Amino acid sequence: MPKFYFQLLDRDGVGATETGYEFASIEAAKAEARRVLAEMAAEGLPAEPLNMLSVELFDESRRPLAEIRLILEEIVVKR
């Protein structure tokens, strides 16, 4: 099975995973990235200045394959 690597971006900055994880397919690896992003959001929503949480997915050669993002957008209604 191919190995995939993850890089996380949260309120504390960027954290790269040095451990490769084996998944049967890129779709399975993307599903895991979504699950990880949901766990990150459960620990707290994104904050300024980025207002974003992100999980980047890389292949065995560390080439980027996909990025899954959660963006918090505040819309102010003017009265």
C-alpha atoms as a PDB file:
ATOM      1  CA  MET A   1       0.000   0.000   0.000  1.00  0.00           C
ATOM      2  CA  PRO A   2       1.219   3.516  -0.729  1.00  0.00           C
ATOM      3  CA  LYS A   3       2.304   5.831   2.085  1.00  0.00           C
ATOM      4  CA  PHE A   4       0.885   9.290   2.618  1.00  0.00           C
ATOM      5  CA  TYR A   5       2.046  12.166   4.796  1.00  0.00           C
ATOM      6  CA  PHE A   6       0.044  14.934   6.463  1.00  0.00           C
ATOM      7  CA  GLN A   7       0.861  18.530   7.323  1.00  0.00           C
ATOM      8  CA  LEU A   8      -1.442  20.296   9.780  1.00  0.00           C
ATOM      9  CA  LEU A   9      -2.069  24.015  10.112  1.00  0.00           C
ATOM     10  CA  ASP A  10      -3.889  25.174  13.246  1.00  0.00           C
ATOM     11  CA  ARG A  11      -3.791  28.023  15.767  1.00  0.00           C
ATOM     12  CA  ASP A  12      -0.320  26.906  16.877  1.00  0.00           C
ATOM     13  CA  GLY A  13       1.146  27.002  13.372  1.00  0.00           C
ATOM     14  CA  VAL A  14       2.274  24.317  10.954  1.00  0.00           C
ATOM     15  CA  GLY A  15       3.068  20.805  12.060  1.00  0.00           C
ATOM     16  CA  ALA A  16       4.400  18.222   9.624  1.00  0.00           C
ATOM     17  CA  THR A  17       3.997  14.525  10.207  1.00  0.00           C
ATOM     18  CA  GLU A  18       7.265  12.702   9.708  1.00  0.00           C
ATOM     19  CA  THR A  19       5.501   9.349   9.907  1.00  0.00           C
ATOM     20  CA  GLY A  20       4.049   7.948   6.709  1.00  0.00           C
ATOM     21  CA  TYR A  21       0.642   6.296   6.913  1.00  0.00           C
ATOM     22  CA  GLU A  22      -0.451   3.532   4.585  1.00  0.00           C
ATOM     23  CA  PHE A  23      -3.821   3.747   2.880  1.00  0.00           C
ATOM     24  CA  ALA A  24      -5.292   1.637   0.100  1.00  0.00           C
ATOM     25  CA  SER A  25      -5.994   4.683  -2.068  1.00  0.00           C
ATOM     26  CA  ILE A  26      -5.770   8.449  -2.261  1.00  0.00           C
ATOM     27  CA  GLU A  27      -9.508   8.571  -1.502  1.00  0.00           C
ATOM     28  CA  ALA A  28      -8.931   6.681   1.758  1.00  0.00           C
ATOM     29  CA  ALA A  29      -6.117   9.089   2.653  1.00  0.00           C
ATOM     30  CA  LYS A  30      -8.389  12.078   1.912  1.00  0.00           C
ATOM     31  CA  ALA A  31     -11.081  10.585   4.152  1.00  0.00           C
ATOM     32  CA  GLU A  32      -8.520  10.373   6.964  1.00  0.00           C
ATOM     33  CA  ALA A  33      -7.501  14.001   6.325  1.00  0.00           C
ATOM     34  CA  ARG A  34     -11.165  15.033   6.717  1.00  0.00           C
ATOM     35  CA  ARG A  35     -11.435  13.052   9.962  1.00  0.00           C
ATOM     36  CA  VAL A  36      -8.276  14.711  11.324  1.00  0.00           C
ATOM     37  CA  LEU A  37      -9.616  18.144  10.348  1.00  0.00           C
ATOM     38  CA  ALA A  38     -12.876  17.408  12.197  1.00  0.00           C
ATOM     39  CA  GLU A  39     -10.879  16.488  15.314  1.00  0.00           C
ATOM     40  CA  MET A  40      -8.914  19.727  15.034  1.00  0.00           C
ATOM     41  CA  ALA A  41     -12.164  21.715  14.778  1.00  0.00           C
ATOM     42  CA  ALA A  42     -13.605  19.896  17.802  1.00  0.00           C
ATOM     43  CA  GLU A  43     -10.664  21.235  19.826  1.00  0.00           C
ATOM     44  CA  GLY A  44     -11.503  24.803  18.801  1.00  0.00           C
ATOM     45  CA  LEU A  45     -12.572  26.782  15.778  1.00  0.00           C
ATOM     46  CA  PRO A  46     -10.026  28.665  13.665  1.00  0.00           C
ATOM     47  CA  ALA A  47      -8.843  32.018  14.974  1.00  0.00           C
ATOM     48  CA  GLU A  48      -7.412  35.181  13.473  1.00  0.00           C
ATOM     49  CA  PRO A  49      -5.315  36.061  11.613  1.00  0.00           C
ATOM     50  CA  LEU A  50      -5.905  33.102   9.260  1.00  0.00           C
ATOM     51  CA  ASN A  51      -9.342  31.919  10.437  1.00  0.00           C
ATOM     52  CA  MET A  52      -8.456  28.571   8.883  1.00  0.00           C
ATOM     53  CA  LEU A  53      -7.559  25.013   9.819  1.00  0.00           C
ATOM     54  CA  SER A  54      -5.921  22.869   7.179  1.00  0.00           C
ATOM     55  CA  VAL A  55      -4.682  19.337   6.533  1.00  0.00           C
ATOM     56  CA  GLU A  56      -2.389  18.932   3.534  1.00  0.00           C
ATOM     57  CA  LEU A  57      -1.883  15.508   2.009  1.00  0.00           C
ATOM     58  CA  PHE A  58       1.398  14.427   0.381  1.00  0.00           C
ATOM     59  CA  ASP A  59       2.477  11.267  -1.428  1.00  0.00           C
ATOM     60  CA  GLU A  60       5.509   9.088  -0.659  1.00  0.00           C
ATOM     61  CA  SER A  61       7.782  11.547  -2.489  1.00  0.00           C
ATOM     62  CA  ARG A  62       6.297  14.412  -0.439  1.00  0.00           C
ATOM     63  CA  ARG A  63       4.556  15.862  -3.484  1.00  0.00           C
ATOM     64  CA  PRO A  64       1.313  17.676  -2.592  1.00  0.00           C
ATOM     65  CA  LEU A  65      -1.870  15.827  -3.507  1.00  0.00           C
ATOM     66  CA  ALA A  66      -4.677  17.729  -1.793  1.00  0.00           C
ATOM     67  CA  GLU A  67      -5.498  20.212   0.934  1.00  0.00           C
ATOM     68  CA  ILE A  68      -8.620  20.001   3.078  1.00  0.00           C
ATOM     69  CA  ARG A  69      -9.534  23.332   4.731  1.00  0.00           C
ATOM     70  CA  LEU A  70     -12.005  24.637   7.257  1.00  0.00           C
ATOM     71  CA  ILE A  71     -12.438  28.397   6.947  1.00  0.00           C
ATOM     72  CA  LEU A  72     -14.318  30.477   9.489  1.00  0.00           C
ATOM     73  CA  GLU A  73     -15.886  33.534   7.941  1.00  0.00           C
ATOM     74  CA  GLU A  74     -17.657  36.240   9.903  1.00  0.00           C
ATOM     75  CA  ILE A  75     -20.167  38.310   7.993  1.00  0.00           C
ATOM     76  CA  VAL A  76     -21.084  41.598   9.613  1.00  0.00           C
ATOM     77  CA  VAL A  77     -24.529  42.919   8.793  1.00  0.00           C
ATOM     78  CA  LYS A  78     -24.594  46.714   8.597  1.00  0.00           C
ATOM     79  CA  ARG A  79     -27.650  48.386   9.987  1.00  0.00           C
END
